[in-house]
Amino acid sequence: MTITHTYSSIAEKSPGRVAIHTESEQITYQDWARLVSQTANWLRSLPSMPKRVAILLPNSLAFLQLFAGAAAAGCTAVPIDTRWSAAECKERLSISNADLVVTLAFFKNKLTDSQTPVVLLDNCMADISEAAADPLPTIDPEHPFYMGFTSGSTGKPKAFTRSHRSWIESFTCTETDFSISSDDKVLIPGTLMSSHFLYGAVSTLFLGGTVCLLKKFSPAQTKEWLSRESVSVLYTVPTMTDAIARIEGFPNSPVKIISSGADWPAESKKKLAAKWPHLKLYDFYGTSELSFVTYSSPEDSKWKPHSAGRPFHNVQIEIRSAAGERCQPGEIGKIFVKSPMRFSGYVNGSAPDESGWMTVDDMGSVDEDGFLYISGRENGMIVYGGLNIFPEEIERVLLSCPEVENAAVVGIPDEYWGEIAVAVIHGNTDARKLKALCKQKLASYKIPKKWVFTNCLPETSSGKIARSSVRKWLEEGAV
């Protein structure tokens, strides 16, 4: 079983159903199934069949075609971000050891220093159109079909791989826990370089729904598609959700929002639900390595507004102390996860052990009802005079202020304390007001010692704050 194996059966049952709808084109499942098969057979017909196929393309039907075709052929697809510099592209291609890269002539200048063979999209499309749509050989479900890169919010990027089986297990969560089906029209407004949005598109195709794909995120376009196309599901991240809300972009219809990020402030969710009561808000906690871990349904968000939710139906969680012992409810420790959805491992690095349990060094606790609360990441923890401070806890407080659009808290070296917390704020407010807010909700030692205001904060492709960039900026003299 592979991530593409349902296409032919969907095409037989519903040949005219739209599989993908973009701003400029759309394709039915009958044509989609044939196109993916042709793409896979084209790859397999090359003189030396590539093991790893890099894709340097913007959001488009062609991107999904090459991604799905590579997976169906038994290759590993390696998305490359069009926003990366030539040096960044070269680094990722080297890490991935890609056998070829498919791109547009417009992006070819990003590949001048790379040794990876380049195939232009227009050229390969002509060859694909002539390829056979013959049945494909059986692929081992443990075979890696996707290579992604960690977002780099804490430093040098690492490549990881995911198997067909891991995503097929994840699809059961989409179907069971999010209740998404073939009846849904799913809007993907973010870059397919983000695993969140890529997964949203690929899972929808597996289930037989319709993918509505934007070329790039635009609050105005998202608003238009939500109202014009009768969209029933929207994949998003908290920063996008806030941008759509600012332009009154949500319809008064039961749209289901699937948001990645245990960093979605409870106050923001509460305000959104109050203003648009027909919206069904789902957010989840997960990582590139672990996949889905916990989720909050609309009812959960009302009952446990500050939690990261309950485990998905096929996930187990344990909180362990530094000594490896299981923590009591409410006690903070390291989060360990047992799941059939975990990644295959890092490229040239570690892989999950045979115990089935794994951690990415996130810290948190569970309550008596089994709901998870995220404290922060162990390697992002600020040690202030021997006391542990989790930046995420402070950021949640800062983001509860309506005038704060975004916030990042990082630690910088201090001769006396070891490290101090610095808050970097994007918003229309001042340090005095934010300090007062922190005093109400945090222990005194957790209140940032320095405050910096800026017009924007750097983000990764997945919509998270790029902490390494913020820290570097501060160390270079911003404070």
Protein backbone atom coordinates (compact mmCIF):
# COMPACT_ATOMS: atom_id res chain seq x y z
CA MET A 1 0.00 0.00 0.00
CA THR A 2 1.28 3.47 -0.94
CA ILE A 3 0.08 7.05 -0.51
CA THR A 4 -1.19 6.96 -4.12
CA HIS A 5 -2.82 3.52 -4.26
CA THR A 6 -6.41 4.83 -3.90
CA TYR A 7 -6.27 7.02 -7.01
CA SER A 8 -7.32 4.35 -9.50
CA SER A 9 -10.30 3.15 -7.44
CA ILE A 10 -11.49 6.74 -6.89
CA ALA A 11 -11.14 7.37 -10.63
CA GLU A 12 -13.28 4.30 -11.37
CA LYS A 13 -16.02 5.26 -8.90
CA SER A 14 -16.02 9.04 -9.47
CA PRO A 15 -14.14 9.78 -12.72
CA GLY A 16 -15.49 13.31 -13.06
CA ARG A 17 -14.83 14.42 -9.48
CA VAL A 18 -12.33 17.28 -9.30
CA ALA A 19 -9.09 16.17 -7.66
CA ILE A 20 -7.15 19.46 -7.74
CA HIS A 21 -8.37 22.99 -8.41
CA THR A 22 -5.84 25.85 -8.68
CA GLU A 23 -6.22 29.48 -9.73
CA SER A 24 -5.57 28.54 -13.37
CA GLU A 25 -6.48 24.87 -13.85
CA GLN A 26 -8.27 21.84 -12.50
CA ILE A 27 -8.07 18.11 -13.05
CA THR A 28 -10.53 15.24 -12.48
CA TYR A 29 -9.63 12.03 -10.67
CA GLN A 30 -9.79 10.12 -13.95
CA ASP A 31 -7.12 12.36 -15.45
CA TRP A 32 -5.20 12.63 -12.16
CA ALA A 33 -4.83 8.86 -11.77
CA ARG A 34 -3.59 8.57 -15.35
CA LEU A 35 -1.19 11.52 -15.00
CA VAL A 36 0.38 10.18 -11.80
CA SER A 37 0.84 6.76 -13.41
CA GLN A 38 2.44 8.35 -16.50
CA THR A 39 4.76 10.43 -14.30
CA ALA A 40 5.82 7.34 -12.33
CA ASN A 41 6.43 5.34 -15.51
CA TRP A 42 8.46 8.21 -16.98
CA LEU A 43 10.72 8.22 -13.92
CA ARG A 44 11.11 4.45 -14.08
CA SER A 45 11.97 4.64 -17.80
CA LEU A 46 14.94 6.98 -17.33
CA PRO A 47 18.33 5.40 -18.20
CA SER A 48 19.21 5.39 -14.52
CA MET A 49 16.08 5.42 -12.39
CA PRO A 50 16.46 8.14 -9.74
CA LYS A 51 16.18 7.15 -6.11
CA ARG A 52 15.66 10.73 -4.94
CA VAL A 53 13.83 13.33 -7.02
CA ALA A 54 14.17 16.97 -5.96
CA ILE A 55 11.28 19.31 -6.83
CA LEU A 56 12.07 23.04 -7.11
CA LEU A 57 8.65 24.41 -8.07
CA PRO A 58 6.08 26.83 -6.66
CA ASN A 59 2.69 25.63 -5.44
CA SER A 60 1.04 24.11 -8.50
CA LEU A 61 -0.66 21.07 -9.93
CA ALA A 62 2.72 20.14 -11.42
CA PHE A 63 4.33 20.08 -7.96
CA LEU A 64 1.75 17.61 -6.66
CA GLN A 65 1.97 15.59 -9.88
CA LEU A 66 5.74 15.13 -9.56
CA PHE A 67 5.51 14.46 -5.83
CA ALA A 68 2.82 11.80 -6.25
CA GLY A 69 4.48 10.38 -9.37
CA ALA A 70 7.80 9.99 -7.57
CA ALA A 71 6.07 8.24 -4.65
CA ALA A 72 4.19 5.90 -6.99
CA ALA A 73 7.43 5.05 -8.82
CA GLY A 74 9.19 4.03 -5.62
CA CYS A 75 11.34 7.18 -5.49
CA THR A 76 11.79 9.62 -2.61
CA ALA A 77 10.49 13.11 -3.38
CA VAL A 78 12.61 15.99 -2.04
CA PRO A 79 10.82 19.39 -2.12
CA ILE A 80 13.20 22.35 -2.45
CA ASP A 81 11.98 25.81 -1.43
CA THR A 82 11.86 28.40 -4.23
CA ARG A 83 12.65 31.07 -1.62
CA TRP A 84 16.00 29.55 -0.72
CA SER A 85 19.19 31.14 -2.01
CA ALA A 86 21.51 29.30 -4.40
CA ALA A 87 23.74 28.39 -1.45
CA GLU A 88 20.79 27.02 0.54
CA CYS A 89 19.57 24.98 -2.45
CA LYS A 90 23.06 23.57 -2.94
CA GLU A 91 23.28 22.61 0.74
CA ARG A 92 19.91 20.79 0.72
CA LEU A 93 20.63 19.01 -2.54
CA SER A 94 23.95 17.86 -1.11
CA ILE A 95 22.34 16.65 2.12
CA SER A 96 19.61 14.80 0.22
CA ASN A 97 21.98 13.32 -2.38
CA ALA A 98 19.25 13.89 -5.00
CA ASP A 99 19.70 12.18 -8.37
CA LEU A 100 17.91 14.90 -10.31
CA VAL A 101 16.00 18.13 -9.74
CA VAL A 102 12.93 19.22 -11.69
CA THR A 103 12.45 22.98 -11.94
CA LEU A 104 11.42 25.92 -14.10
CA ALA A 105 13.87 27.90 -16.22
CA PHE A 106 13.11 30.86 -13.93
CA PHE A 107 14.76 29.08 -10.97
CA LYS A 108 17.68 27.54 -12.84
CA ASN A 109 20.06 30.26 -11.59
CA LYS A 110 19.61 28.84 -8.08
CA LEU A 111 21.23 25.61 -9.26
CA THR A 112 24.37 26.89 -11.02
CA ASP A 113 26.68 25.69 -8.22
CA SER A 114 24.95 22.35 -7.72
CA GLN A 115 26.19 19.07 -9.17
CA THR A 116 22.66 17.62 -9.31
CA PRO A 117 21.37 17.05 -12.88
CA VAL A 118 18.62 19.53 -13.79
CA VAL A 119 15.46 18.69 -15.75
CA LEU A 120 13.25 21.58 -16.87
CA LEU A 121 9.55 21.11 -16.23
CA ASP A 122 8.47 21.92 -19.80
CA ASN A 123 10.81 19.28 -21.19
CA CYS A 124 9.77 16.50 -18.83
CA MET A 125 6.05 17.29 -19.25
CA ALA A 126 6.36 16.54 -22.95
CA ASP A 127 8.00 13.19 -22.16
CA ILE A 128 5.44 12.39 -19.46
CA SER A 129 2.55 12.99 -21.86
CA GLU A 130 3.96 10.23 -24.08
CA ALA A 131 4.63 7.78 -21.22
CA ALA A 132 2.43 4.75 -20.65
CA ALA A 133 -0.16 4.68 -17.88
CA ASP A 134 0.61 1.03 -17.16
CA PRO A 135 0.12 -0.48 -13.69
CA LEU A 136 3.08 0.01 -11.40
CA PRO A 137 5.00 -2.61 -9.38
CA THR A 138 4.22 -3.11 -5.71
CA ILE A 139 6.12 -0.74 -3.41
CA ASP A 140 7.19 -1.73 0.10
CA PRO A 141 5.07 0.41 2.48
CA GLU A 142 8.18 0.95 4.63
CA HIS A 143 9.97 2.57 1.68
CA PRO A 144 10.68 6.30 2.18
CA PHE A 145 8.63 8.39 -0.26
CA TYR A 146 9.26 11.86 1.19
CA MET A 147 12.33 13.70 2.42
CA GLY A 148 11.81 16.95 4.26
CA PHE A 149 14.02 19.32 6.17
CA THR A 150 13.56 20.43 9.74
CA SER A 151 12.51 24.04 9.78
CA GLY A 152 15.87 25.28 10.99
CA SER A 153 14.41 27.42 13.78
CA THR A 154 17.25 26.29 16.04
CA GLY A 155 20.15 25.93 13.66
CA LYS A 156 21.51 23.87 10.77
CA PRO A 157 18.83 22.00 8.78
CA LYS A 158 18.56 18.23 9.01
CA ALA A 159 16.86 15.98 6.47
CA PHE A 160 14.34 13.37 7.58
CA THR A 161 12.38 10.72 5.70
CA ARG A 162 8.86 9.39 6.00
CA SER A 163 7.58 6.02 4.78
CA HIS A 164 4.36 5.31 2.94
CA ARG A 165 3.08 3.42 5.99
CA SER A 166 3.66 6.35 8.35
CA TRP A 167 1.54 8.74 6.28
CA ILE A 168 -1.15 6.13 5.61
CA GLU A 169 -1.43 5.76 9.40
CA SER A 170 -1.67 9.56 9.61
CA PHE A 171 -4.48 9.52 7.03
CA THR A 172 -6.53 7.46 9.49
CA CYS A 173 -6.21 10.35 11.96
CA THR A 174 -7.43 12.81 9.34
CA GLU A 175 -10.40 10.56 8.65
CA THR A 176 -11.16 9.47 12.23
CA ASP A 177 -10.14 12.36 14.48
CA PHE A 178 -10.70 15.31 12.11
CA SER A 179 -13.66 13.63 10.34
CA ILE A 180 -12.46 14.63 6.86
CA SER A 181 -13.80 12.59 3.95
CA SER A 182 -14.16 12.40 0.17
CA ASP A 183 -17.04 14.88 0.43
CA ASP A 184 -14.73 17.69 1.52
CA LYS A 185 -13.28 20.57 -0.44
CA VAL A 186 -9.98 21.37 1.24
CA LEU A 187 -8.25 24.73 0.81
CA ILE A 188 -4.44 24.72 1.00
CA PRO A 189 -3.28 28.37 1.17
CA GLY A 190 0.32 27.81 2.33
CA THR A 191 3.51 26.59 0.72
CA LEU A 192 3.80 22.90 -0.08
CA MET A 193 7.34 23.14 1.33
CA SER A 194 5.66 22.98 4.73
CA SER A 195 4.84 19.41 5.76
CA HIS A 196 1.56 20.69 7.20
CA PHE A 197 0.24 22.01 3.89
CA LEU A 198 1.80 19.24 1.81
CA TYR A 199 0.18 16.66 4.07
CA GLY A 200 -3.16 18.47 3.82
CA ALA A 201 -3.08 18.18 0.03
CA VAL A 202 -1.79 14.59 -0.17
CA SER A 203 -4.17 13.26 2.50
CA THR A 204 -7.13 14.87 0.73
CA LEU A 205 -6.17 13.17 -2.54
CA PHE A 206 -5.79 9.81 -0.76
CA LEU A 207 -9.30 10.17 0.71
CA GLY A 208 -10.83 11.33 -2.57
CA GLY A 209 -11.66 14.93 -1.68
CA THR A 210 -10.93 18.05 -3.72
CA VAL A 211 -7.74 20.05 -3.13
CA CYS A 212 -8.10 23.80 -3.67
CA LEU A 213 -4.53 25.08 -3.96
CA LEU A 214 -3.32 28.69 -3.81
CA LYS A 215 -0.03 29.60 -5.46
CA LYS A 216 0.95 31.55 -2.36
CA PHE A 217 -0.77 32.76 0.77
CA SER A 218 -2.96 35.83 0.45
CA PRO A 219 -5.63 36.70 3.04
CA ALA A 220 -7.79 38.30 0.34
CA GLN A 221 -7.56 35.29 -1.98
CA THR A 222 -8.21 32.92 0.89
CA LYS A 223 -11.34 34.91 1.73
CA GLU A 224 -12.48 34.75 -1.90
CA TRP A 225 -11.95 30.98 -2.19
CA LEU A 226 -13.68 30.28 1.12
CA SER A 227 -16.83 32.02 -0.07
CA ARG A 228 -16.75 31.25 -3.82
CA GLU A 229 -15.80 27.57 -3.81
CA SER A 230 -17.87 26.28 -0.88
CA VAL A 231 -14.69 25.17 0.90
CA SER A 232 -15.40 22.90 3.87
CA VAL A 233 -11.86 22.50 5.31
CA LEU A 234 -9.05 25.04 5.64
CA TYR A 235 -5.49 24.07 6.58
CA THR A 236 -3.73 26.97 8.26
CA VAL A 237 -1.26 28.11 10.91
CA PRO A 238 -2.01 30.67 13.66
CA THR A 239 -0.34 33.62 11.89
CA MET A 240 -2.41 32.97 8.74
CA THR A 241 -5.60 32.57 10.77
CA ASP A 242 -5.03 35.96 12.40
CA ALA A 243 -4.36 37.58 9.01
CA ILE A 244 -7.61 36.18 7.57
CA ALA A 245 -9.55 37.30 10.64
CA ARG A 246 -8.20 40.86 10.35
CA ILE A 247 -9.88 41.26 6.94
CA GLU A 248 -13.13 39.60 8.07
CA GLY A 249 -12.24 36.71 5.80
CA PHE A 250 -14.17 33.82 7.33
CA PRO A 251 -17.64 32.91 6.07
CA ASN A 252 -20.66 32.27 8.26
CA SER A 253 -20.67 28.62 7.30
CA PRO A 254 -19.34 25.47 9.02
CA VAL A 255 -15.76 25.55 7.73
CA LYS A 256 -13.42 23.20 9.57
CA ILE A 257 -10.04 24.75 10.39
CA ILE A 258 -7.05 22.43 10.81
CA SER A 259 -4.24 24.39 12.43
CA SER A 260 -0.78 23.14 13.28
CA GLY A 261 0.68 24.57 16.39
CA ALA A 262 0.37 24.09 20.09
CA ASP A 263 1.37 27.78 19.95
CA TRP A 264 -2.12 28.95 18.93
CA PRO A 265 -3.06 31.20 21.87
CA ALA A 266 -6.22 30.19 23.71
CA GLU A 267 -7.46 33.79 23.66
CA SER A 268 -7.15 33.95 19.87
CA LYS A 269 -9.16 30.75 19.48
CA LYS A 270 -11.80 32.03 21.88
CA LYS A 271 -12.21 35.33 20.01
CA LEU A 272 -12.34 33.56 16.65
CA ALA A 273 -15.01 31.15 17.86
CA ALA A 274 -17.05 33.99 19.36
CA LYS A 275 -17.00 36.05 16.15
CA TRP A 276 -17.51 33.14 13.74
CA PRO A 277 -19.47 30.55 15.76
CA HIS A 278 -19.97 28.31 12.70
CA LEU A 279 -16.23 27.63 12.40
CA LYS A 280 -15.04 24.25 13.69
CA LEU A 281 -11.59 24.79 15.17
CA TYR A 282 -9.14 21.90 15.34
CA ASP A 283 -5.50 22.39 16.26
CA PHE A 284 -2.86 19.80 16.86
CA TYR A 285 0.60 19.29 18.26
CA GLY A 286 3.07 17.33 16.21
CA THR A 287 6.61 17.38 14.86
CA SER A 288 8.41 16.34 11.69
CA GLU A 289 9.79 13.33 13.52
CA LEU A 290 6.68 12.24 15.44
CA SER A 291 3.89 13.33 13.07
CA PHE A 292 0.54 13.82 14.83
CA VAL A 293 0.70 13.62 18.62
CA THR A 294 -2.31 15.39 20.17
CA TYR A 295 -5.27 17.41 18.95
CA SER A 296 -7.99 19.67 20.31
CA SER A 297 -11.50 19.43 18.91
CA PRO A 298 -13.86 22.43 19.11
CA GLU A 299 -15.31 20.97 22.30
CA ASP A 300 -11.86 20.27 23.77
CA SER A 301 -10.80 23.89 23.19
CA LYS A 302 -13.71 25.07 25.32
CA TRP A 303 -13.11 22.47 28.03
CA LYS A 304 -9.30 22.64 28.14
CA PRO A 305 -8.41 25.94 26.39
CA HIS A 306 -4.74 25.96 27.39
CA SER A 307 -3.93 22.35 26.59
CA ALA A 308 -2.36 20.91 23.43
CA GLY A 309 -5.17 18.38 23.37
CA ARG A 310 -5.69 14.66 23.71
CA PRO A 311 -3.64 11.94 21.95
CA PHE A 312 -4.76 10.90 18.48
CA HIS A 313 -6.53 7.53 18.40
CA ASN A 314 -3.32 5.61 17.55
CA VAL A 315 -0.88 7.49 19.82
CA GLN A 316 0.38 6.85 23.36
CA ILE A 317 2.11 9.48 25.51
CA GLU A 318 4.32 9.26 28.58
CA ILE A 319 5.91 12.09 30.57
CA ARG A 320 9.23 11.02 32.05
CA SER A 321 11.52 12.62 34.61
CA ALA A 322 15.25 13.17 34.12
CA ALA A 323 15.74 9.82 35.87
CA GLY A 324 13.52 8.11 33.30
CA GLU A 325 10.62 7.56 35.69
CA ARG A 326 7.02 8.20 34.69
CA CYS A 327 5.78 11.56 35.98
CA GLN A 328 2.58 12.11 37.92
CA PRO A 329 -0.25 14.21 36.42
CA GLY A 330 0.73 17.88 36.44
CA GLU A 331 4.45 17.14 36.83
CA ILE A 332 6.66 18.54 34.04
CA GLY A 333 9.00 16.15 32.29
CA LYS A 334 10.12 15.06 28.86
CA ILE A 335 7.39 14.02 26.41
CA PHE A 336 7.76 10.49 24.99
CA VAL A 337 5.51 9.27 22.19
CA LYS A 338 4.67 5.81 20.86
CA SER A 339 3.08 5.91 17.43
CA PRO A 340 2.95 4.09 14.07
CA MET A 341 3.30 7.49 12.37
CA ARG A 342 6.83 8.38 13.40
CA PHE A 343 9.49 9.16 10.82
CA SER A 344 11.98 6.66 9.38
CA GLY A 345 14.98 8.62 10.65
CA TYR A 346 17.38 11.44 9.83
CA VAL A 347 19.45 11.24 6.67
CA ASN A 348 22.97 10.30 7.77
CA GLY A 349 21.77 10.38 11.36
CA SER A 350 19.77 8.59 14.02
CA ALA A 351 16.64 6.51 13.54
CA PRO A 352 13.93 5.53 16.05
CA ASP A 353 14.85 2.63 18.32
CA GLU A 354 12.96 -0.65 18.45
CA SER A 355 11.17 0.15 21.72
CA GLY A 356 8.62 2.20 19.83
CA TRP A 357 9.01 5.16 22.21
CA MET A 358 10.58 8.38 20.98
CA THR A 359 11.15 11.96 22.12
CA VAL A 360 12.18 15.18 20.40
CA ASP A 361 13.06 16.70 23.79
CA ASP A 362 9.86 18.70 24.16
CA MET A 363 8.86 19.20 27.79
CA GLY A 364 5.36 19.14 29.21
CA SER A 365 2.82 17.50 31.48
CA VAL A 366 -0.49 15.67 31.28
CA ASP A 367 -3.51 16.25 33.49
CA GLU A 368 -5.82 13.72 35.14
CA ASP A 369 -7.86 13.47 31.92
CA GLY A 370 -4.84 12.70 29.74
CA PHE A 371 -4.64 16.11 28.07
CA LEU A 372 -1.15 17.34 27.20
CA TYR A 373 0.31 20.71 28.19
CA ILE A 374 3.46 21.87 26.39
CA SER A 375 6.04 23.73 28.48
CA GLY A 376 8.67 24.16 25.78
CA ARG A 377 11.64 22.55 24.15
CA GLU A 378 14.50 21.36 26.33
CA ASN A 379 17.18 22.69 23.97
CA GLY A 380 15.39 26.07 23.75
CA MET A 381 15.17 26.40 27.51
CA ILE A 382 16.72 29.49 29.09
CA VAL A 383 18.71 28.81 32.27
CA TYR A 384 18.48 32.00 34.32
CA GLY A 385 20.54 31.82 37.50
CA GLY A 386 19.87 28.09 37.72
CA LEU A 387 16.14 28.47 37.06
CA ASN A 388 14.57 26.98 33.93
CA ILE A 389 12.52 29.27 31.70
CA PHE A 390 10.59 28.03 28.67
CA PRO A 391 10.26 30.78 26.01
CA GLU A 392 6.97 29.33 24.77
CA GLU A 393 5.29 29.96 28.13
CA ILE A 394 6.21 33.65 28.01
CA GLU A 395 5.22 33.94 24.34
CA ARG A 396 1.75 32.59 25.10
CA VAL A 397 1.26 35.37 27.64
CA LEU A 398 2.58 38.06 25.29
CA LEU A 399 0.37 36.85 22.44
CA SER A 400 -2.70 37.16 24.65
CA CYS A 401 -2.28 40.95 24.37
CA PRO A 402 -4.50 42.15 21.46
CA GLU A 403 -1.90 44.70 20.34
CA VAL A 404 0.82 42.05 19.89
CA GLU A 405 0.85 40.57 16.39
CA ASN A 406 3.79 38.26 17.02
CA ALA A 407 6.39 37.65 19.69
CA ALA A 408 9.58 35.69 20.22
CA VAL A 409 11.49 35.12 23.44
CA VAL A 410 15.08 33.95 23.27
CA GLY A 411 17.96 33.65 25.69
CA ILE A 412 21.17 35.61 25.31
CA PRO A 413 24.36 35.23 27.38
CA ASP A 414 24.71 37.27 30.57
CA GLU A 415 27.85 37.41 32.72
CA TYR A 416 25.96 37.35 36.02
CA TRP A 417 22.83 35.26 35.36
CA GLY A 418 24.25 32.93 32.71
CA GLU A 419 21.35 33.72 30.38
CA ILE A 420 18.56 36.27 30.35
CA ALA A 421 15.27 36.28 28.47
CA VAL A 422 14.80 38.88 25.75
CA ALA A 423 11.36 39.54 24.26
CA VAL A 424 11.16 40.64 20.63
CA ILE A 425 7.77 42.13 19.83
CA HIS A 426 5.93 42.93 16.62
CA GLY A 427 2.94 45.04 17.56
CA ASN A 428 1.51 48.38 18.62
CA THR A 429 2.22 48.42 22.35
CA ASP A 430 5.04 49.15 24.79
CA ALA A 431 7.25 47.35 27.29
CA ARG A 432 5.51 48.84 30.34
CA LYS A 433 2.14 47.36 29.37
CA LEU A 434 3.63 43.97 28.53
CA LYS A 435 5.63 43.82 31.75
CA ALA A 436 2.43 44.46 33.69
CA LEU A 437 0.70 41.66 31.81
CA CYS A 438 3.59 39.28 32.54
CA LYS A 439 3.53 40.17 36.25
CA GLN A 440 -0.11 39.07 36.39
CA LYS A 441 0.52 35.67 34.83
CA LEU A 442 4.17 34.69 35.36
CA ALA A 443 6.65 34.24 38.17
CA SER A 444 8.90 37.29 38.44
CA TYR A 445 12.03 35.48 37.23
CA LYS A 446 10.26 34.60 33.96
CA ILE A 447 9.60 38.22 32.99
CA PRO A 448 11.93 39.23 30.13
CA LYS A 449 14.82 41.42 31.22
CA LYS A 450 15.10 43.19 27.86
CA TRP A 451 12.51 44.26 25.30
CA VAL A 452 12.99 44.86 21.59
CA PHE A 453 10.34 46.10 19.16
CA THR A 454 10.45 45.40 15.45
CA ASN A 455 8.31 45.67 12.31
CA CYS A 456 8.49 41.95 11.57
CA LEU A 457 9.82 38.66 12.87
CA PRO A 458 11.52 36.08 10.65
CA GLU A 459 9.54 32.88 10.13
CA THR A 460 10.34 29.44 8.80
CA SER A 461 8.42 27.94 5.86
CA SER A 462 6.08 26.24 8.34
CA GLY A 463 5.07 29.55 9.93
CA LYS A 464 7.13 29.19 13.10
CA ILE A 465 9.42 31.87 14.47
CA ALA A 466 12.99 31.36 13.20
CA ARG A 467 14.61 31.55 16.63
CA SER A 468 18.15 31.15 15.34
CA SER A 469 17.68 34.24 13.14
CA VAL A 470 16.20 36.23 16.02
CA ARG A 471 19.03 35.20 18.36
CA LYS A 472 21.67 36.04 15.75
CA TRP A 473 20.11 39.45 15.18
CA LEU A 474 20.14 40.18 18.92
CA GLU A 475 23.72 38.99 19.32
CA GLU A 476 24.79 41.25 16.46
CA GLY A 477 23.73 44.31 18.39
CA ALA A 478 19.96 44.72 18.48
CA VAL A 479 20.17 44.89 22.30
